[in-house]
């Protein structure tokens, strides 16, 4: 099992954060919320995507939903979860790298 993380460009990461955040964050640090608030909003977006996928699936099971909407909602939830896990992995790797630095 490999722990290698896929390469993510800074520009791609900013675009991903802004798409999850709805564009409310300032990529140049101009916002007063900071990085932790951005991550909190991104995590909330991932949770909301999961809830929407559950709601769409429930409607489909009851016979009132559209299969295309269910697949789209589940794909969005999966992408949001993968992004959240990738960011978590990067943060943990950065923390481990900092802890290895000599004082």
N, C-alpha and C. Protein backbone atom coordinates (compact mmCIF):
# COMPACT_ATOMS: atom_id res chain seq x y z
N UNK A 1 0.85 -1.18 0.00
CA UNK A 1 0.00 0.00 0.00
C UNK A 1 0.89 1.23 0.00
N UNK A 2 0.64 2.12 -0.92
CA UNK A 2 1.46 3.31 -1.08
C UNK A 2 0.81 4.50 -0.41
N UNK A 3 1.62 5.31 0.26
CA UNK A 3 1.12 6.53 0.91
C UNK A 3 1.36 7.75 0.05
N UNK A 4 1.73 7.55 -1.22
CA UNK A 4 2.01 8.68 -2.10
C UNK A 4 0.72 9.44 -2.39
N UNK A 5 0.79 10.74 -2.25
CA UNK A 5 -0.36 11.60 -2.50
C UNK A 5 -0.28 12.14 -3.91
N UNK A 6 -1.42 12.30 -4.58
CA UNK A 6 -1.38 12.85 -5.93
C UNK A 6 -0.95 14.31 -5.90
N UNK A 7 -0.28 14.73 -6.96
CA UNK A 7 0.18 16.11 -7.05
C UNK A 7 -1.00 17.03 -7.30
N UNK A 8 -1.13 18.06 -6.50
CA UNK A 8 -2.19 19.05 -6.64
C UNK A 8 -1.52 20.41 -6.78
N UNK A 9 -1.83 21.08 -7.87
CA UNK A 9 -1.23 22.40 -8.06
C UNK A 9 -1.91 23.42 -7.15
N UNK A 10 -1.21 24.46 -6.73
CA UNK A 10 -1.83 25.48 -5.88
C UNK A 10 -3.04 26.13 -6.55
N UNK A 11 -2.94 26.39 -7.84
CA UNK A 11 -4.08 26.98 -8.55
C UNK A 11 -5.29 26.06 -8.56
N UNK A 12 -5.04 24.77 -8.75
CA UNK A 12 -6.13 23.79 -8.72
C UNK A 12 -6.77 23.69 -7.35
N UNK A 13 -5.94 23.77 -6.30
CA UNK A 13 -6.46 23.71 -4.94
C UNK A 13 -7.33 24.92 -4.63
N UNK A 14 -6.87 26.10 -5.07
CA UNK A 14 -7.65 27.32 -4.82
C UNK A 14 -8.98 27.24 -5.55
N UNK A 15 -8.97 26.77 -6.80
CA UNK A 15 -10.22 26.63 -7.55
C UNK A 15 -11.16 25.65 -6.86
N UNK A 16 -10.62 24.55 -6.33
CA UNK A 16 -11.45 23.56 -5.64
C UNK A 16 -12.05 24.15 -4.37
N UNK A 17 -11.24 24.87 -3.58
CA UNK A 17 -11.74 25.49 -2.36
C UNK A 17 -12.81 26.51 -2.68
N UNK A 18 -12.59 27.32 -3.71
CA UNK A 18 -13.56 28.35 -4.05
C UNK A 18 -14.85 27.74 -4.58
N UNK A 19 -14.76 26.62 -5.30
CA UNK A 19 -15.98 26.00 -5.80
C UNK A 19 -16.80 25.41 -4.66
N UNK A 20 -16.14 24.87 -3.66
CA UNK A 20 -16.85 24.33 -2.50
C UNK A 20 -17.37 25.46 -1.62
N UNK A 21 -16.56 26.52 -1.52
CA UNK A 21 -16.88 27.64 -0.64
C UNK A 21 -17.90 28.59 -1.24
N UNK A 22 -18.20 28.46 -2.51
CA UNK A 22 -19.13 29.36 -3.16
C UNK A 22 -18.49 30.69 -3.54
N UNK A 23 -17.16 30.75 -3.51
CA UNK A 23 -16.46 31.96 -3.91
C UNK A 23 -16.40 33.02 -2.83
N UNK A 24 -16.78 32.71 -1.59
CA UNK A 24 -16.81 33.72 -0.54
C UNK A 24 -15.42 34.02 0.02
N UNK A 25 -14.50 33.07 -0.11
CA UNK A 25 -13.16 33.28 0.46
C UNK A 25 -12.28 34.04 -0.51
N UNK A 26 -11.34 34.77 0.02
CA UNK A 26 -10.38 35.50 -0.78
C UNK A 26 -9.10 34.69 -0.87
N UNK A 27 -8.66 34.29 -2.09
CA UNK A 27 -7.47 33.46 -2.20
C UNK A 27 -6.20 34.19 -1.80
N UNK A 28 -6.21 35.51 -1.75
CA UNK A 28 -5.01 36.25 -1.38
C UNK A 28 -4.91 36.52 0.11
N UNK A 29 -5.80 35.91 0.89
CA UNK A 29 -5.77 36.11 2.33
C UNK A 29 -6.47 37.38 2.76
N UNK A 30 -7.22 38.04 1.86
CA UNK A 30 -7.87 39.30 2.18
C UNK A 30 -9.06 39.14 3.11
N UNK A 31 -9.59 37.92 3.24
CA UNK A 31 -10.73 37.71 4.11
C UNK A 31 -10.30 37.68 5.56
N UNK A 32 -11.19 38.05 6.43
CA UNK A 32 -10.86 38.06 7.85
C UNK A 32 -11.11 36.70 8.49
N UNK A 33 -11.74 35.77 7.76
CA UNK A 33 -12.08 34.47 8.33
C UNK A 33 -10.86 33.60 8.52
N UNK A 34 -9.98 33.57 7.57
CA UNK A 34 -8.79 32.76 7.68
C UNK A 34 -8.98 31.37 7.10
N UNK A 35 -7.89 30.63 7.13
CA UNK A 35 -7.85 29.31 6.51
C UNK A 35 -8.74 28.32 7.25
N UNK A 36 -8.79 28.37 8.56
CA UNK A 36 -9.61 27.40 9.30
C UNK A 36 -11.09 27.58 8.99
N UNK A 37 -11.54 28.82 8.82
CA UNK A 37 -12.95 29.05 8.47
C UNK A 37 -13.23 28.52 7.07
N UNK A 38 -12.27 28.67 6.17
CA UNK A 38 -12.42 28.14 4.82
C UNK A 38 -12.56 26.62 4.86
N UNK A 39 -11.72 25.97 5.66
CA UNK A 39 -11.81 24.52 5.78
C UNK A 39 -13.13 24.10 6.42
N UNK A 40 -13.59 24.86 7.41
CA UNK A 40 -14.87 24.54 8.04
C UNK A 40 -16.01 24.63 7.03
N UNK A 41 -16.00 25.68 6.20
CA UNK A 41 -17.05 25.82 5.19
C UNK A 41 -16.96 24.70 4.15
N UNK A 42 -15.74 24.31 3.79
CA UNK A 42 -15.57 23.22 2.83
C UNK A 42 -16.09 21.91 3.41
N UNK A 43 -15.82 21.67 4.68
CA UNK A 43 -16.31 20.46 5.33
C UNK A 43 -17.83 20.49 5.43
N UNK A 44 -18.40 21.64 5.76
CA UNK A 44 -19.86 21.77 5.80
C UNK A 44 -20.45 21.51 4.42
N UNK A 45 -19.78 21.98 3.37
CA UNK A 45 -20.24 21.73 2.01
C UNK A 45 -20.22 20.24 1.68
N UNK A 46 -19.19 19.53 2.15
CA UNK A 46 -19.12 18.09 1.91
C UNK A 46 -20.25 17.37 2.64
N UNK A 47 -20.53 17.79 3.87
CA UNK A 47 -21.62 17.18 4.63
C UNK A 47 -22.96 17.46 3.95
N UNK A 48 -23.16 18.69 3.49
CA UNK A 48 -24.41 19.03 2.81
C UNK A 48 -24.56 18.25 1.51
N UNK A 49 -23.46 18.03 0.79
CA UNK A 49 -23.52 17.23 -0.44
C UNK A 49 -23.95 15.80 -0.12
N UNK A 50 -23.46 15.26 0.98
CA UNK A 50 -23.87 13.92 1.41
C UNK A 50 -25.33 13.86 1.78
N UNK A 51 -25.81 14.89 2.47
CA UNK A 51 -27.23 14.94 2.84
C UNK A 51 -28.12 15.04 1.60
N UNK A 52 -27.70 15.85 0.62
CA UNK A 52 -28.46 15.98 -0.62
C UNK A 52 -28.50 14.65 -1.37
N UNK A 53 -27.38 13.93 -1.37
CA UNK A 53 -27.34 12.62 -2.02
C UNK A 53 -28.29 11.65 -1.33
N UNK A 54 -28.30 11.68 0.00
CA UNK A 54 -29.22 10.82 0.75
C UNK A 54 -30.68 11.16 0.43
N UNK A 55 -30.99 12.45 0.37
CA UNK A 55 -32.35 12.87 0.07
C UNK A 55 -32.76 12.44 -1.33
N UNK A 56 -31.87 12.60 -2.30
CA UNK A 56 -32.17 12.19 -3.67
C UNK A 56 -32.37 10.67 -3.75
N UNK A 57 -31.53 9.92 -3.06
CA UNK A 57 -31.66 8.47 -3.06
C UNK A 57 -32.97 8.03 -2.42
N UNK A 58 -33.36 8.69 -1.34
CA UNK A 58 -34.61 8.37 -0.67
C UNK A 58 -35.81 8.64 -1.58
N UNK A 59 -35.75 9.76 -2.30
CA UNK A 59 -36.83 10.06 -3.25
C UNK A 59 -36.88 9.02 -4.36
N UNK A 60 -35.72 8.58 -4.84
CA UNK A 60 -35.69 7.58 -5.90
C UNK A 60 -36.26 6.25 -5.42
N UNK A 61 -35.93 5.88 -4.19
CA UNK A 61 -36.44 4.63 -3.64
C UNK A 61 -37.95 4.67 -3.49
N UNK A 62 -38.47 5.83 -3.12
CA UNK A 62 -39.92 5.95 -2.95
C UNK A 62 -40.64 6.12 -4.29
N UNK A 63 -39.88 6.25 -5.39
CA UNK A 63 -40.49 6.34 -6.71
C UNK A 63 -40.75 7.75 -7.18
N UNK A 64 -40.26 8.76 -6.46
CA UNK A 64 -40.51 10.15 -6.82
C UNK A 64 -39.27 10.87 -7.34
N UNK A 65 -38.15 10.19 -7.42
CA UNK A 65 -36.91 10.84 -7.81
C UNK A 65 -36.47 10.47 -9.21
N UNK A 66 -35.54 11.23 -9.74
CA UNK A 66 -34.96 10.99 -11.05
C UNK A 66 -33.60 10.34 -10.86
N UNK A 67 -33.36 9.27 -11.60
CA UNK A 67 -32.10 8.54 -11.45
C UNK A 67 -30.90 9.40 -11.80
N UNK A 68 -31.03 10.27 -12.78
CA UNK A 68 -29.93 11.16 -13.17
C UNK A 68 -29.56 12.09 -12.02
N UNK A 69 -30.56 12.63 -11.34
CA UNK A 69 -30.29 13.51 -10.20
C UNK A 69 -29.64 12.75 -9.06
N UNK A 70 -30.04 11.50 -8.86
CA UNK A 70 -29.44 10.69 -7.80
C UNK A 70 -27.96 10.45 -8.09
N UNK A 71 -27.66 10.06 -9.32
CA UNK A 71 -26.27 9.78 -9.69
C UNK A 71 -25.43 11.05 -9.59
N UNK A 72 -25.99 12.18 -10.02
CA UNK A 72 -25.26 13.45 -9.93
C UNK A 72 -25.00 13.82 -8.48
N UNK A 73 -26.00 13.69 -7.63
CA UNK A 73 -25.83 14.03 -6.21
C UNK A 73 -24.82 13.12 -5.53
N UNK A 74 -24.86 11.84 -5.84
CA UNK A 74 -23.91 10.90 -5.24
C UNK A 74 -22.49 11.19 -5.74
N UNK A 75 -22.35 11.54 -7.02
CA UNK A 75 -21.03 11.88 -7.56
C UNK A 75 -20.46 13.12 -6.89
N UNK A 76 -21.31 14.13 -6.68
CA UNK A 76 -20.86 15.34 -5.99
C UNK A 76 -20.43 15.04 -4.56
N UNK A 77 -21.21 14.20 -3.89
CA UNK A 77 -20.86 13.84 -2.51
C UNK A 77 -19.54 13.07 -2.46
N UNK A 78 -19.35 12.17 -3.42
CA UNK A 78 -18.12 11.40 -3.47
C UNK A 78 -16.91 12.30 -3.73
N UNK A 79 -17.06 13.25 -4.66
CA UNK A 79 -15.98 14.18 -4.97
C UNK A 79 -15.66 15.06 -3.77
N UNK A 80 -16.68 15.53 -3.07
CA UNK A 80 -16.47 16.36 -1.88
C UNK A 80 -15.74 15.57 -0.80
N UNK A 81 -16.10 14.31 -0.63
CA UNK A 81 -15.43 13.47 0.37
C UNK A 81 -13.98 13.22 -0.01
N UNK A 82 -13.73 12.94 -1.29
CA UNK A 82 -12.35 12.72 -1.73
C UNK A 82 -11.50 13.97 -1.55
N UNK A 83 -12.08 15.13 -1.83
CA UNK A 83 -11.35 16.38 -1.64
C UNK A 83 -11.04 16.61 -0.17
N UNK A 84 -12.01 16.34 0.69
CA UNK A 84 -11.82 16.50 2.13
C UNK A 84 -10.72 15.58 2.64
N UNK A 85 -10.72 14.34 2.19
CA UNK A 85 -9.69 13.39 2.61
C UNK A 85 -8.31 13.81 2.09
N UNK A 86 -8.25 14.32 0.85
CA UNK A 86 -6.97 14.77 0.30
C UNK A 86 -6.42 15.95 1.09
N UNK A 87 -7.28 16.89 1.44
CA UNK A 87 -6.83 18.04 2.24
C UNK A 87 -6.38 17.58 3.62
N UNK A 88 -7.13 16.67 4.23
CA UNK A 88 -6.73 16.15 5.53
C UNK A 88 -5.36 15.48 5.47
N UNK A 89 -5.15 14.69 4.41
CA UNK A 89 -3.86 14.02 4.25
C UNK A 89 -2.72 15.01 4.10
N UNK A 90 -2.97 16.08 3.35
CA UNK A 90 -1.94 17.11 3.17
C UNK A 90 -1.64 17.84 4.47
N UNK A 91 -2.65 18.13 5.24
CA UNK A 91 -2.46 18.82 6.53
C UNK A 91 -1.68 17.92 7.48
N UNK A 92 -2.03 16.65 7.54
CA UNK A 92 -1.30 15.72 8.40
C UNK A 92 0.16 15.57 7.97
N UNK A 93 0.38 15.51 6.66
CA UNK A 93 1.75 15.41 6.17
C UNK A 93 2.55 16.66 6.52
N UNK A 94 1.93 17.82 6.38
CA UNK A 94 2.61 19.08 6.74
C UNK A 94 2.93 19.10 8.23
N UNK A 95 2.00 18.66 9.07
CA UNK A 95 2.24 18.60 10.51
C UNK A 95 3.40 17.67 10.83
N UNK A 96 3.41 16.49 10.19
CA UNK A 96 4.50 15.55 10.43
C UNK A 96 5.84 16.13 9.97
N UNK A 97 5.84 16.82 8.85
CA UNK A 97 7.08 17.45 8.37
C UNK A 97 7.57 18.52 9.35
N UNK A 98 6.66 19.29 9.89
CA UNK A 98 7.03 20.33 10.85
C UNK A 98 7.59 19.70 12.13
N UNK A 99 6.97 18.62 12.58
CA UNK A 99 7.43 17.97 13.80
C UNK A 99 8.82 17.34 13.63
N UNK A 100 9.20 17.01 12.41
CA UNK A 100 10.51 16.43 12.14
C UNK A 100 11.61 17.47 12.04
N UNK A 101 11.24 18.74 11.93
CA UNK A 101 12.25 19.79 11.78
C UNK A 101 13.05 19.97 13.06
N UNK A 102 14.35 20.16 12.91
CA UNK A 102 15.17 20.42 14.10
C UNK A 102 14.92 21.84 14.62
N UNK A 103 15.04 21.96 15.90
CA UNK A 103 14.81 23.27 16.53
C UNK A 103 16.09 24.08 16.54
